[in-house]
Amino acid sequence: MLKTAKLKGYAYPHFFSYLSQNMTLRQYLILMGVGTAIAWGCFWLVLNYLNPETAGAVGFTLFYLSLFLGLTGTITLLGFTWRYFQHRDEVLFRHVTASFRQATFLALTVVVGLFLQSQGQLSWWNLILLVVGVTCLELFLLSVRRSPPQL
């Protein structure tokens, strides 16, 4: 169990929150780019070297996991780039946070949709429910106001 880290008077219950407070934007973008390239490399390996008929649950888990990580990284980097050029006057960490959150939701929607399709369960109303659910979650997270950090 990770202990709560105390930084500048604020409690961060997760290790990743601690890292995000100590990582520069350049380090984040490089790490995200390298992680995305690794995820797409793993996806390529899964596509080329695993037989879906004999791979079993592990093969399908690797397929969906590598696809999810690759999509999340790619959409995050594209979303951050778009936000950076559209809103240059805003604080950069807000762009990173929003881009990562929305990329995660979009990648999760795509992967769940593909999984439902592979199981023969995808229909138009399932897809609408999935999109509405993810949209409601995003709107909820946008409506939650957090106290701004003290500088």
N, C-alpha and C. Protein backbone atom coordinates (compact mmCIF):
# COMPACT_ATOMS: atom_id res chain seq x y z
N MET A 1 0.85 -1.18 0.00
CA MET A 1 0.00 0.00 0.00
C MET A 1 0.89 1.24 0.00
N LEU A 2 0.59 2.15 -0.89
CA LEU A 2 1.36 3.38 -0.96
C LEU A 2 0.92 4.34 0.13
N LYS A 3 1.88 4.96 0.75
CA LYS A 3 1.57 5.95 1.77
C LYS A 3 1.29 7.29 1.10
N THR A 4 0.58 8.13 1.82
CA THR A 4 0.27 9.44 1.31
C THR A 4 1.53 10.31 1.35
N ALA A 5 1.84 10.92 0.22
CA ALA A 5 3.01 11.80 0.15
C ALA A 5 2.57 13.23 0.47
N LYS A 6 3.36 13.92 1.28
CA LYS A 6 3.07 15.31 1.62
C LYS A 6 3.98 16.22 0.81
N LEU A 7 3.38 17.05 -0.02
CA LEU A 7 4.14 18.01 -0.81
C LEU A 7 3.52 19.39 -0.67
N LYS A 8 4.28 20.33 -0.26
CA LYS A 8 3.87 21.73 -0.18
C LYS A 8 2.52 21.89 0.53
N GLY A 9 2.30 21.10 1.57
CA GLY A 9 1.08 21.24 2.35
C GLY A 9 -0.11 20.47 1.80
N TYR A 10 0.04 19.73 0.71
CA TYR A 10 -1.06 18.98 0.13
C TYR A 10 -0.77 17.49 0.23
N ALA A 11 -1.79 16.72 0.49
CA ALA A 11 -1.63 15.27 0.59
C ALA A 11 -1.95 14.64 -0.76
N TYR A 12 -1.03 13.83 -1.26
CA TYR A 12 -1.23 13.12 -2.52
C TYR A 12 -1.28 11.64 -2.22
N PRO A 13 -2.44 11.01 -2.39
CA PRO A 13 -2.55 9.61 -2.00
C PRO A 13 -1.93 8.63 -2.99
N HIS A 14 -1.50 9.09 -4.13
CA HIS A 14 -0.98 8.18 -5.14
C HIS A 14 0.43 8.58 -5.55
N PHE A 15 1.20 7.59 -5.87
CA PHE A 15 2.57 7.80 -6.33
C PHE A 15 2.60 8.62 -7.62
N PHE A 16 1.62 8.38 -8.51
CA PHE A 16 1.60 9.08 -9.79
C PHE A 16 1.29 10.57 -9.61
N SER A 17 0.52 10.90 -8.59
CA SER A 17 0.28 12.31 -8.31
C SER A 17 1.57 12.98 -7.85
N TYR A 18 2.36 12.26 -7.07
CA TYR A 18 3.65 12.77 -6.63
C TYR A 18 4.57 13.01 -7.83
N LEU A 19 4.60 12.04 -8.76
CA LEU A 19 5.43 12.21 -9.95
C LEU A 19 4.96 13.38 -10.81
N SER A 20 3.65 13.54 -10.93
CA SER A 20 3.15 14.61 -11.78
C SER A 20 3.50 15.98 -11.24
N GLN A 21 3.71 16.08 -9.92
CA GLN A 21 4.08 17.35 -9.34
C GLN A 21 5.56 17.66 -9.52
N ASN A 22 6.38 16.64 -9.81
CA ASN A 22 7.82 16.82 -9.93
C ASN A 22 8.35 16.60 -11.34
N MET A 23 7.48 16.42 -12.30
CA MET A 23 7.90 16.14 -13.66
C MET A 23 7.66 17.37 -14.53
N THR A 24 8.64 17.71 -15.35
CA THR A 24 8.46 18.83 -16.26
C THR A 24 7.61 18.40 -17.44
N LEU A 25 7.10 19.37 -18.17
CA LEU A 25 6.28 19.07 -19.34
C LEU A 25 7.09 18.30 -20.37
N ARG A 26 8.33 18.69 -20.55
CA ARG A 26 9.18 18.00 -21.53
C ARG A 26 9.39 16.54 -21.15
N GLN A 27 9.66 16.28 -19.87
CA GLN A 27 9.82 14.90 -19.41
C GLN A 27 8.54 14.10 -19.61
N TYR A 28 7.41 14.72 -19.32
CA TYR A 28 6.12 14.05 -19.50
C TYR A 28 5.90 13.68 -20.95
N LEU A 29 6.12 14.64 -21.86
CA LEU A 29 5.89 14.37 -23.28
C LEU A 29 6.83 13.31 -23.82
N ILE A 30 8.08 13.33 -23.39
CA ILE A 30 9.04 12.31 -23.83
C ILE A 30 8.62 10.95 -23.30
N LEU A 31 8.28 10.87 -22.02
CA LEU A 31 7.85 9.61 -21.43
C LEU A 31 6.57 9.09 -22.08
N MET A 32 5.63 9.98 -22.35
CA MET A 32 4.39 9.58 -23.01
C MET A 32 4.66 9.10 -24.43
N GLY A 33 5.54 9.77 -25.14
CA GLY A 33 5.88 9.35 -26.50
C GLY A 33 6.57 8.00 -26.54
N VAL A 34 7.51 7.79 -25.63
CA VAL A 34 8.21 6.50 -25.57
C VAL A 34 7.24 5.38 -25.15
N GLY A 35 6.40 5.66 -24.17
CA GLY A 35 5.42 4.67 -23.73
C GLY A 35 4.43 4.32 -24.83
N THR A 36 4.03 5.32 -25.59
CA THR A 36 3.11 5.09 -26.70
C THR A 36 3.77 4.25 -27.79
N ALA A 37 5.02 4.55 -28.10
CA ALA A 37 5.74 3.76 -29.10
C ALA A 37 5.90 2.31 -28.64
N ILE A 38 6.19 2.10 -27.37
CA ILE A 38 6.30 0.74 -26.84
C ILE A 38 4.96 0.02 -26.93
N ALA A 39 3.87 0.73 -26.58
CA ALA A 39 2.54 0.11 -26.64
C ALA A 39 2.18 -0.28 -28.06
N TRP A 40 2.48 0.59 -29.04
CA TRP A 40 2.18 0.23 -30.43
C TRP A 40 3.09 -0.89 -30.91
N GLY A 41 4.32 -0.93 -30.43
CA GLY A 41 5.20 -2.06 -30.76
C GLY A 41 4.66 -3.37 -30.21
N CYS A 42 4.17 -3.34 -28.99
CA CYS A 42 3.56 -4.54 -28.40
C CYS A 42 2.30 -4.95 -29.18
N PHE A 43 1.52 -3.97 -29.59
CA PHE A 43 0.33 -4.27 -30.39
C PHE A 43 0.71 -4.94 -31.70
N TRP A 44 1.75 -4.43 -32.34
CA TRP A 44 2.22 -5.02 -33.59
C TRP A 44 2.69 -6.46 -33.36
N LEU A 45 3.42 -6.68 -32.27
CA LEU A 45 3.87 -8.04 -31.94
C LEU A 45 2.70 -8.98 -31.70
N VAL A 46 1.70 -8.51 -30.99
CA VAL A 46 0.52 -9.33 -30.73
C VAL A 46 -0.18 -9.68 -32.04
N LEU A 47 -0.32 -8.69 -32.92
CA LEU A 47 -0.99 -8.95 -34.20
C LEU A 47 -0.22 -9.94 -35.06
N ASN A 48 1.10 -9.85 -35.05
CA ASN A 48 1.90 -10.67 -35.95
C ASN A 48 2.28 -12.04 -35.40
N TYR A 49 2.37 -12.20 -34.09
CA TYR A 49 2.92 -13.43 -33.54
C TYR A 49 1.95 -14.26 -32.71
N LEU A 50 0.77 -13.73 -32.39
CA LEU A 50 -0.18 -14.51 -31.61
C LEU A 50 -1.31 -14.99 -32.51
N ASN A 51 -1.58 -16.27 -32.45
CA ASN A 51 -2.69 -16.85 -33.18
C ASN A 51 -3.94 -16.74 -32.32
N PRO A 52 -4.98 -16.05 -32.78
CA PRO A 52 -6.16 -15.87 -31.94
C PRO A 52 -6.88 -17.18 -31.61
N GLU A 53 -6.68 -18.19 -32.43
CA GLU A 53 -7.35 -19.46 -32.16
C GLU A 53 -6.68 -20.24 -31.03
N THR A 54 -5.40 -20.02 -30.82
CA THR A 54 -4.69 -20.77 -29.78
C THR A 54 -4.21 -19.89 -28.62
N ALA A 55 -4.32 -18.58 -28.75
CA ALA A 55 -3.77 -17.67 -27.72
C ALA A 55 -4.57 -17.71 -26.42
N GLY A 56 -5.85 -17.91 -26.50
CA GLY A 56 -6.69 -17.95 -25.30
C GLY A 56 -6.90 -16.57 -24.70
N ALA A 57 -7.21 -16.57 -23.42
CA ALA A 57 -7.53 -15.32 -22.72
C ALA A 57 -6.32 -14.39 -22.62
N VAL A 58 -5.14 -14.97 -22.46
CA VAL A 58 -3.94 -14.14 -22.33
C VAL A 58 -3.69 -13.36 -23.62
N GLY A 59 -3.85 -14.00 -24.76
CA GLY A 59 -3.65 -13.32 -26.05
C GLY A 59 -4.64 -12.19 -26.26
N PHE A 60 -5.90 -12.43 -25.93
CA PHE A 60 -6.90 -11.38 -26.09
C PHE A 60 -6.68 -10.24 -25.09
N THR A 61 -6.25 -10.57 -23.89
CA THR A 61 -5.94 -9.53 -22.90
C THR A 61 -4.78 -8.67 -23.39
N LEU A 62 -3.73 -9.30 -23.91
CA LEU A 62 -2.60 -8.54 -24.45
C LEU A 62 -3.03 -7.67 -25.63
N PHE A 63 -3.89 -8.20 -26.48
CA PHE A 63 -4.39 -7.44 -27.63
C PHE A 63 -5.11 -6.18 -27.17
N TYR A 64 -6.11 -6.35 -26.29
CA TYR A 64 -6.91 -5.21 -25.87
C TYR A 64 -6.10 -4.24 -25.00
N LEU A 65 -5.22 -4.75 -24.17
CA LEU A 65 -4.40 -3.89 -23.31
C LEU A 65 -3.43 -3.04 -24.13
N SER A 66 -2.74 -3.67 -25.08
CA SER A 66 -1.80 -2.91 -25.90
C SER A 66 -2.52 -1.91 -26.79
N LEU A 67 -3.69 -2.29 -27.30
CA LEU A 67 -4.48 -1.35 -28.09
C LEU A 67 -4.94 -0.17 -27.24
N PHE A 68 -5.41 -0.45 -26.03
CA PHE A 68 -5.85 0.61 -25.13
C PHE A 68 -4.71 1.57 -24.80
N LEU A 69 -3.55 1.04 -24.45
CA LEU A 69 -2.41 1.89 -24.09
C LEU A 69 -1.92 2.70 -25.30
N GLY A 70 -1.87 2.08 -26.47
CA GLY A 70 -1.45 2.78 -27.67
C GLY A 70 -2.41 3.91 -28.04
N LEU A 71 -3.71 3.61 -27.99
CA LEU A 71 -4.70 4.65 -28.29
C LEU A 71 -4.67 5.77 -27.27
N THR A 72 -4.55 5.41 -25.99
CA THR A 72 -4.51 6.44 -24.95
C THR A 72 -3.32 7.38 -25.15
N GLY A 73 -2.15 6.83 -25.39
CA GLY A 73 -0.97 7.67 -25.60
C GLY A 73 -1.07 8.53 -26.84
N THR A 74 -1.52 7.95 -27.93
CA THR A 74 -1.64 8.70 -29.19
C THR A 74 -2.65 9.82 -29.07
N ILE A 75 -3.83 9.51 -28.53
CA ILE A 75 -4.87 10.53 -28.41
C ILE A 75 -4.46 11.60 -27.41
N THR A 76 -3.75 11.21 -26.34
CA THR A 76 -3.27 12.20 -25.37
C THR A 76 -2.31 13.18 -26.03
N LEU A 77 -1.34 12.66 -26.77
CA LEU A 77 -0.36 13.54 -27.43
C LEU A 77 -1.02 14.43 -28.48
N LEU A 78 -1.94 13.86 -29.26
CA LEU A 78 -2.64 14.67 -30.26
C LEU A 78 -3.54 15.72 -29.60
N GLY A 79 -4.24 15.31 -28.55
CA GLY A 79 -5.11 16.24 -27.83
C GLY A 79 -4.33 17.36 -27.16
N PHE A 80 -3.19 17.03 -26.56
CA PHE A 80 -2.38 18.06 -25.93
C PHE A 80 -1.84 19.04 -26.98
N THR A 81 -1.38 18.50 -28.10
CA THR A 81 -0.85 19.37 -29.18
C THR A 81 -1.94 20.31 -29.68
N TRP A 82 -3.12 19.79 -29.90
CA TRP A 82 -4.22 20.62 -30.38
C TRP A 82 -4.58 21.69 -29.35
N ARG A 83 -4.69 21.30 -28.08
CA ARG A 83 -5.02 22.27 -27.03
C ARG A 83 -3.92 23.32 -26.87
N TYR A 84 -2.67 22.90 -27.00
CA TYR A 84 -1.56 23.82 -26.85
C TYR A 84 -1.63 24.93 -27.90
N PHE A 85 -1.90 24.57 -29.14
CA PHE A 85 -1.94 25.57 -30.21
C PHE A 85 -3.24 26.37 -30.21
N GLN A 86 -4.32 25.82 -29.66
CA GLN A 86 -5.58 26.54 -29.62
C GLN A 86 -5.69 27.49 -28.43
N HIS A 87 -5.08 27.11 -27.30
CA HIS A 87 -5.23 27.89 -26.06
C HIS A 87 -3.86 28.15 -25.44
N ARG A 88 -3.07 28.96 -26.06
CA ARG A 88 -1.71 29.22 -25.58
C ARG A 88 -1.66 30.03 -24.29
N ASP A 89 -2.72 30.74 -23.98
CA ASP A 89 -2.70 31.61 -22.81
C ASP A 89 -3.08 30.90 -21.51
N GLU A 90 -3.46 29.62 -21.56
CA GLU A 90 -3.87 28.90 -20.37
C GLU A 90 -2.69 28.11 -19.78
N VAL A 91 -2.87 27.65 -18.55
CA VAL A 91 -1.85 26.89 -17.85
C VAL A 91 -1.72 25.52 -18.51
N LEU A 92 -0.47 25.08 -18.74
CA LEU A 92 -0.22 23.86 -19.50
C LEU A 92 -0.67 22.59 -18.79
N PHE A 93 -0.57 22.54 -17.45
CA PHE A 93 -0.92 21.30 -16.78
C PHE A 93 -2.40 20.98 -16.93
N ARG A 94 -3.22 21.99 -17.14
CA ARG A 94 -4.65 21.73 -17.38
C ARG A 94 -4.86 21.06 -18.72
N HIS A 95 -4.04 21.42 -19.70
CA HIS A 95 -4.13 20.76 -21.00
C HIS A 95 -3.73 19.29 -20.88
N VAL A 96 -2.68 19.02 -20.13
CA VAL A 96 -2.20 17.65 -19.96
C VAL A 96 -3.27 16.81 -19.25
N THR A 97 -3.83 17.33 -18.19
CA THR A 97 -4.82 16.60 -17.42
C THR A 97 -6.06 16.30 -18.25
N ALA A 98 -6.59 17.32 -18.92
CA ALA A 98 -7.79 17.13 -19.73
C ALA A 98 -7.52 16.19 -20.91
N SER A 99 -6.38 16.34 -21.55
CA SER A 99 -6.06 15.49 -22.69
C SER A 99 -5.94 14.03 -22.27
N PHE A 100 -5.26 13.77 -21.16
CA PHE A 100 -5.10 12.39 -20.71
C PHE A 100 -6.43 11.78 -20.29
N ARG A 101 -7.24 12.54 -19.57
CA ARG A 101 -8.53 12.03 -19.12
C ARG A 101 -9.43 11.70 -20.31
N GLN A 102 -9.53 12.62 -21.26
CA GLN A 102 -10.40 12.40 -22.40
C GLN A 102 -9.86 11.31 -23.32
N ALA A 103 -8.54 11.19 -23.44
CA ALA A 103 -7.96 10.12 -24.24
C ALA A 103 -8.25 8.77 -23.60
N THR A 104 -8.17 8.70 -22.29
CA THR A 104 -8.47 7.45 -21.59
C THR A 104 -9.92 7.04 -21.83
N PHE A 105 -10.83 7.99 -21.72
CA PHE A 105 -12.24 7.68 -21.94
C PHE A 105 -12.51 7.25 -23.39
N LEU A 106 -11.91 7.95 -24.34
CA LEU A 106 -12.13 7.61 -25.75
C LEU A 106 -11.53 6.25 -26.08
N ALA A 107 -10.33 5.98 -25.60
CA ALA A 107 -9.70 4.68 -25.84
C ALA A 107 -10.50 3.56 -25.17
N LEU A 108 -10.99 3.80 -23.98
CA LEU A 108 -11.80 2.81 -23.29
C LEU A 108 -13.09 2.54 -24.07
N THR A 109 -13.70 3.57 -24.60
CA THR A 109 -14.91 3.41 -25.41
C THR A 109 -14.63 2.57 -26.65
N VAL A 110 -13.52 2.83 -27.33
CA VAL A 110 -13.16 2.07 -28.53
C VAL A 110 -12.89 0.61 -28.17
N VAL A 111 -12.13 0.37 -27.13
CA VAL A 111 -11.76 -1.00 -26.76
C VAL A 111 -12.99 -1.77 -26.29
N VAL A 112 -13.83 -1.16 -25.48
CA VAL A 112 -15.05 -1.85 -25.04
C VAL A 112 -15.96 -2.12 -26.23
N GLY A 113 -16.06 -1.17 -27.15
CA GLY A 113 -16.84 -1.40 -28.36
C GLY A 113 -16.30 -2.55 -29.19
N LEU A 114 -14.99 -2.62 -29.35
CA LEU A 114 -14.39 -3.74 -30.09
C LEU A 114 -14.60 -5.07 -29.37
N PHE A 115 -14.49 -5.05 -28.04
CA PHE A 115 -14.73 -6.27 -27.29
C PHE A 115 -16.18 -6.73 -27.45
N LEU A 116 -17.13 -5.81 -27.33
CA LEU A 116 -18.53 -6.17 -27.51
C LEU A 116 -18.78 -6.70 -28.92
N GLN A 117 -18.13 -6.11 -29.92
CA GLN A 117 -18.27 -6.58 -31.29
C GLN A 117 -17.72 -7.99 -31.44
N SER A 118 -16.59 -8.28 -30.80
CA SER A 118 -16.00 -9.62 -30.90
C SER A 118 -16.88 -10.67 -30.23
N GLN A 119 -17.67 -10.26 -29.25
CA GLN A 119 -18.56 -11.18 -28.57
C GLN A 119 -19.94 -11.25 -29.20
N GLY A 120 -20.14 -10.45 -30.26
CA GLY A 120 -21.44 -10.42 -30.93
C GLY A 120 -22.50 -9.69 -30.13
N GLN A 121 -22.11 -8.81 -29.22
CA GLN A 121 -23.03 -8.10 -28.35
C GLN A 121 -23.19 -6.62 -28.70
N LEU A 122 -22.47 -6.15 -29.69
CA LEU A 122 -22.53 -4.72 -30.03
C LEU A 122 -23.76 -4.44 -30.87
N SER A 123 -24.56 -3.55 -30.39
CA SER A 123 -25.71 -3.07 -31.15
C SER A 123 -25.75 -1.55 -31.02
N TRP A 124 -26.59 -0.91 -31.76
CA TRP A 124 -26.61 0.55 -31.74
C TRP A 124 -26.99 1.08 -30.36
N TRP A 125 -27.88 0.41 -29.65
CA TRP A 125 -28.28 0.92 -28.34
C TRP A 125 -27.20 0.64 -27.29
N ASN A 126 -26.45 -0.46 -27.43
CA ASN A 126 -25.32 -0.67 -26.53
C ASN A 126 -24.26 0.40 -26.71
N LEU A 127 -24.00 0.74 -27.96
CA LEU A 127 -23.02 1.78 -28.26
C LEU A 127 -23.48 3.14 -27.74
N ILE A 128 -24.75 3.43 -27.91
CA ILE A 128 -25.29 4.70 -27.40
C ILE A 128 -25.19 4.74 -25.87
N LEU A 129 -25.53 3.64 -25.20
CA LEU A 129 -25.40 3.60 -23.74
C LEU A 129 -23.95 3.79 -23.29
N LEU A 130 -23.02 3.17 -24.01
CA LEU A 130 -21.61 3.32 -23.68
C LEU A 130 -21.16 4.77 -23.84
N VAL A 131 -21.51 5.39 -24.95
CA VAL A 131 -21.11 6.78 -25.20
C VAL A 131 -21.77 7.72 -24.20
N VAL A 132 -23.05 7.51 -23.90
CA VAL A 132 -23.74 8.36 -22.92
C VAL A 132 -23.11 8.19 -21.53
N GLY A 133 -22.78 6.96 -21.16
CA GLY A 133 -22.15 6.72 -19.86
C GLY A 133 -20.81 7.41 -19.74
N VAL A 134 -19.98 7.30 -20.77
CA VAL A 134 -18.67 7.95 -20.75
C VAL A 134 -18.83 9.47 -20.76
N THR A 135 -19.79 9.97 -21.52
CA THR A 135 -20.05 11.41 -21.55
C THR A 135 -20.51 11.92 -20.19
N CYS A 136 -21.38 11.19 -19.53
CA CYS A 136 -21.83 11.59 -18.19
C CYS A 136 -20.67 11.58 -17.20
N LEU A 137 -19.81 10.59 -17.30
CA LEU A 137 -18.64 10.55 -16.43
C LEU A 137 -17.73 11.75 -16.67
N GLU A 138 -17.50 12.09 -17.92
CA GLU A 138 -16.67 13.26 -18.25
C GLU A 138 -17.32 14.55 -17.74
N LEU A 139 -18.63 14.70 -17.93
CA LEU A 139 -19.31 15.89 -17.45
C LEU A 139 -19.29 15.98 -15.93
N PHE A 140 -19.41 14.83 -15.26
CA PHE A 140 -19.30 14.82 -13.81
C PHE A 140 -17.92 15.28 -13.37
N LEU A 141 -16.89 14.75 -14.00
CA LEU A 141 -15.53 15.14 -13.62
C LEU A 141 -15.24 16.61 -13.94
N LEU A 142 -15.86 17.13 -14.98
CA LEU A 142 -15.70 18.56 -15.28
C LEU A 142 -16.41 19.44 -14.26
N SER A 143 -17.51 18.93 -13.72
CA SER A 143 -18.29 19.75 -12.78
C SER A 143 -17.71 19.76 -11.37
N VAL A 144 -16.88 18.79 -11.05
CA VAL A 144 -16.27 18.73 -9.73
C VAL A 144 -15.21 19.83 -9.64
N ARG A 145 -15.38 20.68 -8.70
CA ARG A 145 -14.43 21.79 -8.50
C ARG A 145 -13.45 21.40 -7.41
N ARG A 146 -12.20 21.54 -7.73
CA ARG A 146 -11.16 21.27 -6.73
C ARG A 146 -10.52 22.60 -6.35
N SER A 147 -10.07 22.66 -5.13
CA SER A 147 -9.42 23.88 -4.71
C SER A 147 -8.08 24.01 -5.44
N PRO A 148 -7.78 25.20 -5.95
CA PRO A 148 -6.51 25.37 -6.68
C PRO A 148 -5.32 25.25 -5.75
N PRO A 149 -4.23 24.71 -6.25
CA PRO A 149 -3.04 24.58 -5.40
C PRO A 149 -2.45 25.94 -5.07
N GLN A 150 -1.90 26.06 -3.88
CA GLN A 150 -1.24 27.30 -3.45
C GLN A 150 0.13 27.38 -4.08
N LEU A 151 0.43 28.50 -4.67
CA LEU A 151 1.75 28.68 -5.30
C LEU A 151 2.68 29.45 -4.41
